[in-house]
Amino acid sequence: MCKQPLALIELAQDVGQTSKATTIIRRLARLANLPAFLVFYSKDGSDTIIGFRVQQVMPECGKQQSMTPGEYVEFLCALRDGHPCTQWNNPRSKK
């Protein structure tokens, strides 16, 4: 509810590449003092997103993690955990 940014995320379609340059997003994250992530998404033949590969690129580079769409939602919600603004609508609490 406070509208403060929590992270920077660069999204790219997964076409089999193993990496992508992240120079700009890392610089922006450093300036904003935010974590940054590179996210590749995979689609099936009907253009439905079926998976994600997520890698933290700031403040440190981490290993790529494969995620289902549901796991990616959990990842995004987890970015809010511990944030001072606790008045947001948490979709995880509706399970």
C-alpha atoms as a PDB file:
ATOM      1  CA  MET A   1       0.000   0.000   0.000  1.00  0.00           C
ATOM      2  CA  CYS A   2       2.943   2.358   0.517  1.00  0.00           C
ATOM      3  CA  LYS A   3       3.919   2.141  -3.196  1.00  0.00           C
ATOM      4  CA  GLN A   4       7.653   1.813  -2.419  1.00  0.00           C
ATOM      5  CA  PRO A   5       9.682  -0.270  -4.898  1.00  0.00           C
ATOM      6  CA  LEU A   6      10.871  -3.594  -3.517  1.00  0.00           C
ATOM      7  CA  ALA A   7      13.112  -4.873  -6.313  1.00  0.00           C
ATOM      8  CA  LEU A   8      13.998  -4.433  -9.970  1.00  0.00           C
ATOM      9  CA  ILE A   9      13.159  -7.331 -12.272  1.00  0.00           C
ATOM     10  CA  GLU A  10      14.290  -7.699 -15.875  1.00  0.00           C
ATOM     11  CA  LEU A  11      12.036 -10.109 -17.755  1.00  0.00           C
ATOM     12  CA  ALA A  12      13.061 -11.915 -20.960  1.00  0.00           C
ATOM     13  CA  GLN A  13      11.617 -14.774 -22.949  1.00  0.00           C
ATOM     14  CA  ASP A  14      13.561 -18.006 -22.555  1.00  0.00           C
ATOM     15  CA  VAL A  15      14.747 -19.061 -25.996  1.00  0.00           C
ATOM     16  CA  GLY A  16      17.447 -21.405 -24.712  1.00  0.00           C
ATOM     17  CA  GLN A  17      20.045 -18.802 -23.762  1.00  0.00           C
ATOM     18  CA  THR A  18      22.104 -19.475 -20.666  1.00  0.00           C
ATOM     19  CA  SER A  19      22.637 -15.832 -19.707  1.00  0.00           C
ATOM     20  CA  LYS A  20      21.837 -12.222 -20.564  1.00  0.00           C
ATOM     21  CA  ALA A  21      23.737  -9.001 -19.968  1.00  0.00           C
ATOM     22  CA  THR A  22      22.456  -7.260 -16.837  1.00  0.00           C
ATOM     23  CA  THR A  23      24.732  -4.214 -16.734  1.00  0.00           C
ATOM     24  CA  ILE A  24      21.973  -1.594 -16.771  1.00  0.00           C
ATOM     25  CA  ILE A  25      19.630  -3.238 -14.251  1.00  0.00           C
ATOM     26  CA  ARG A  26      22.564  -3.816 -11.875  1.00  0.00           C
ATOM     27  CA  ARG A  27      23.538  -0.139 -12.113  1.00  0.00           C
ATOM     28  CA  LEU A  28      19.960   0.980 -11.524  1.00  0.00           C
ATOM     29  CA  ALA A  29      19.621  -1.394  -8.563  1.00  0.00           C
ATOM     30  CA  ARG A  30      22.821  -0.049  -7.031  1.00  0.00           C
ATOM     31  CA  LEU A  31      21.576   3.539  -7.394  1.00  0.00           C
ATOM     32  CA  ALA A  32      18.181   2.653  -5.919  1.00  0.00           C
ATOM     33  CA  ASN A  33      19.653   0.411  -3.210  1.00  0.00           C
ATOM     34  CA  LEU A  34      17.337  -2.426  -4.273  1.00  0.00           C
ATOM     35  CA  PRO A  35      17.868  -6.080  -5.113  1.00  0.00           C
ATOM     36  CA  ALA A  36      17.667  -6.943  -8.813  1.00  0.00           C
ATOM     37  CA  PHE A  37      16.668 -10.139 -10.579  1.00  0.00           C
ATOM     38  CA  LEU A  38      16.870 -11.510 -14.097  1.00  0.00           C
ATOM     39  CA  VAL A  39      13.834 -13.632 -14.976  1.00  0.00           C
ATOM     40  CA  PHE A  40      13.469 -15.800 -18.080  1.00  0.00           C
ATOM     41  CA  TYR A  41       9.970 -17.099 -18.844  1.00  0.00           C
ATOM     42  CA  SER A  42       9.088 -20.154 -20.974  1.00  0.00           C
ATOM     43  CA  LYS A  43       5.919 -20.591 -23.018  1.00  0.00           C
ATOM     44  CA  ASP A  44       4.272 -23.639 -24.484  1.00  0.00           C
ATOM     45  CA  GLY A  45       2.855 -23.910 -28.014  1.00  0.00           C
ATOM     46  CA  SER A  46      -0.300 -21.998 -27.056  1.00  0.00           C
ATOM     47  CA  ASP A  47       1.689 -19.046 -25.615  1.00  0.00           C
ATOM     48  CA  THR A  48       0.874 -20.026 -22.037  1.00  0.00           C
ATOM     49  CA  ILE A  49       3.694 -19.308 -19.596  1.00  0.00           C
ATOM     50  CA  ILE A  50       4.799 -22.642 -18.152  1.00  0.00           C
ATOM     51  CA  GLY A  51       7.948 -21.819 -16.215  1.00  0.00           C
ATOM     52  CA  PHE A  52      10.516 -19.317 -15.048  1.00  0.00           C
ATOM     53  CA  ARG A  53      14.264 -19.199 -14.429  1.00  0.00           C
ATOM     54  CA  VAL A  54      15.101 -16.604 -11.770  1.00  0.00           C
ATOM     55  CA  GLN A  55      18.550 -15.285 -10.902  1.00  0.00           C
ATOM     56  CA  GLN A  56      19.461 -12.559  -8.436  1.00  0.00           C
ATOM     57  CA  VAL A  57      21.972 -10.185 -10.052  1.00  0.00           C
ATOM     58  CA  MET A  58      22.258  -7.520  -7.300  1.00  0.00           C
ATOM     59  CA  PRO A  59      23.571  -7.100  -4.663  1.00  0.00           C
ATOM     60  CA  GLU A  60      25.221 -10.446  -5.491  1.00  0.00           C
ATOM     61  CA  CYS A  61      24.830 -12.811  -8.417  1.00  0.00           C
ATOM     62  CA  GLY A  62      23.135 -16.017  -7.437  1.00  0.00           C
ATOM     63  CA  LYS A  63      22.427 -19.300  -9.166  1.00  0.00           C
ATOM     64  CA  GLN A  64      19.482 -19.575 -11.540  1.00  0.00           C
ATOM     65  CA  GLN A  65      16.454 -21.238  -9.986  1.00  0.00           C
ATOM     66  CA  SER A  66      13.712 -22.914 -12.011  1.00  0.00           C
ATOM     67  CA  MET A  67      10.184 -22.095 -10.871  1.00  0.00           C
ATOM     68  CA  THR A  68       6.653 -23.023 -11.804  1.00  0.00           C
ATOM     69  CA  PRO A  69       4.193 -20.155 -12.287  1.00  0.00           C
ATOM     70  CA  GLY A  70       2.888 -20.768  -8.751  1.00  0.00           C
ATOM     71  CA  GLU A  71       6.384 -20.722  -7.296  1.00  0.00           C
ATOM     72  CA  TYR A  72       7.082 -17.466  -9.139  1.00  0.00           C
ATOM     73  CA  VAL A  73       3.998 -15.912  -7.516  1.00  0.00           C
ATOM     74  CA  GLU A  74       5.361 -17.056  -4.131  1.00  0.00           C
ATOM     75  CA  PHE A  75       8.737 -15.503  -4.998  1.00  0.00           C
ATOM     76  CA  LEU A  76       7.101 -12.174  -5.837  1.00  0.00           C
ATOM     77  CA  CYS A  77       5.022 -12.223  -2.652  1.00  0.00           C
ATOM     78  CA  ALA A  78       8.111 -13.061  -0.598  1.00  0.00           C
ATOM     79  CA  LEU A  79       9.698  -9.802  -1.764  1.00  0.00           C
ATOM     80  CA  ARG A  80       7.103  -8.080   0.434  1.00  0.00           C
ATOM     81  CA  ASP A  81       7.872 -10.154   3.527  1.00  0.00           C
ATOM     82  CA  GLY A  82       9.416  -7.989   6.189  1.00  0.00           C
ATOM     83  CA  HIS A  83       8.542  -4.736   4.423  1.00  0.00           C
ATOM     84  CA  PRO A  84       7.322  -2.046   6.854  1.00  0.00           C
ATOM     85  CA  CYS A  85       4.066  -1.683   4.942  1.00  0.00           C
ATOM     86  CA  THR A  86       1.963  -4.599   6.156  1.00  0.00           C
ATOM     87  CA  GLN A  87      -1.383  -3.460   4.782  1.00  0.00           C
ATOM     88  CA  TRP A  88      -1.069  -5.184   1.408  1.00  0.00           C
ATOM     89  CA  ASN A  89      -3.391  -7.923   0.247  1.00  0.00           C
ATOM     90  CA  ASN A  90      -1.373 -11.139   0.537  1.00  0.00           C
ATOM     91  CA  PRO A  91      -2.665 -13.781  -1.918  1.00  0.00           C
ATOM     92  CA  ARG A  92      -0.823 -16.459   0.074  1.00  0.00           C
ATOM     93  CA  SER A  93      -3.135 -15.880   3.037  1.00  0.00           C
ATOM     94  CA  LYS A  94      -6.156 -16.955   0.936  1.00  0.00           C
ATOM     95  CA  LYS A  95      -5.065 -20.591   0.557  1.00  0.00           C
END
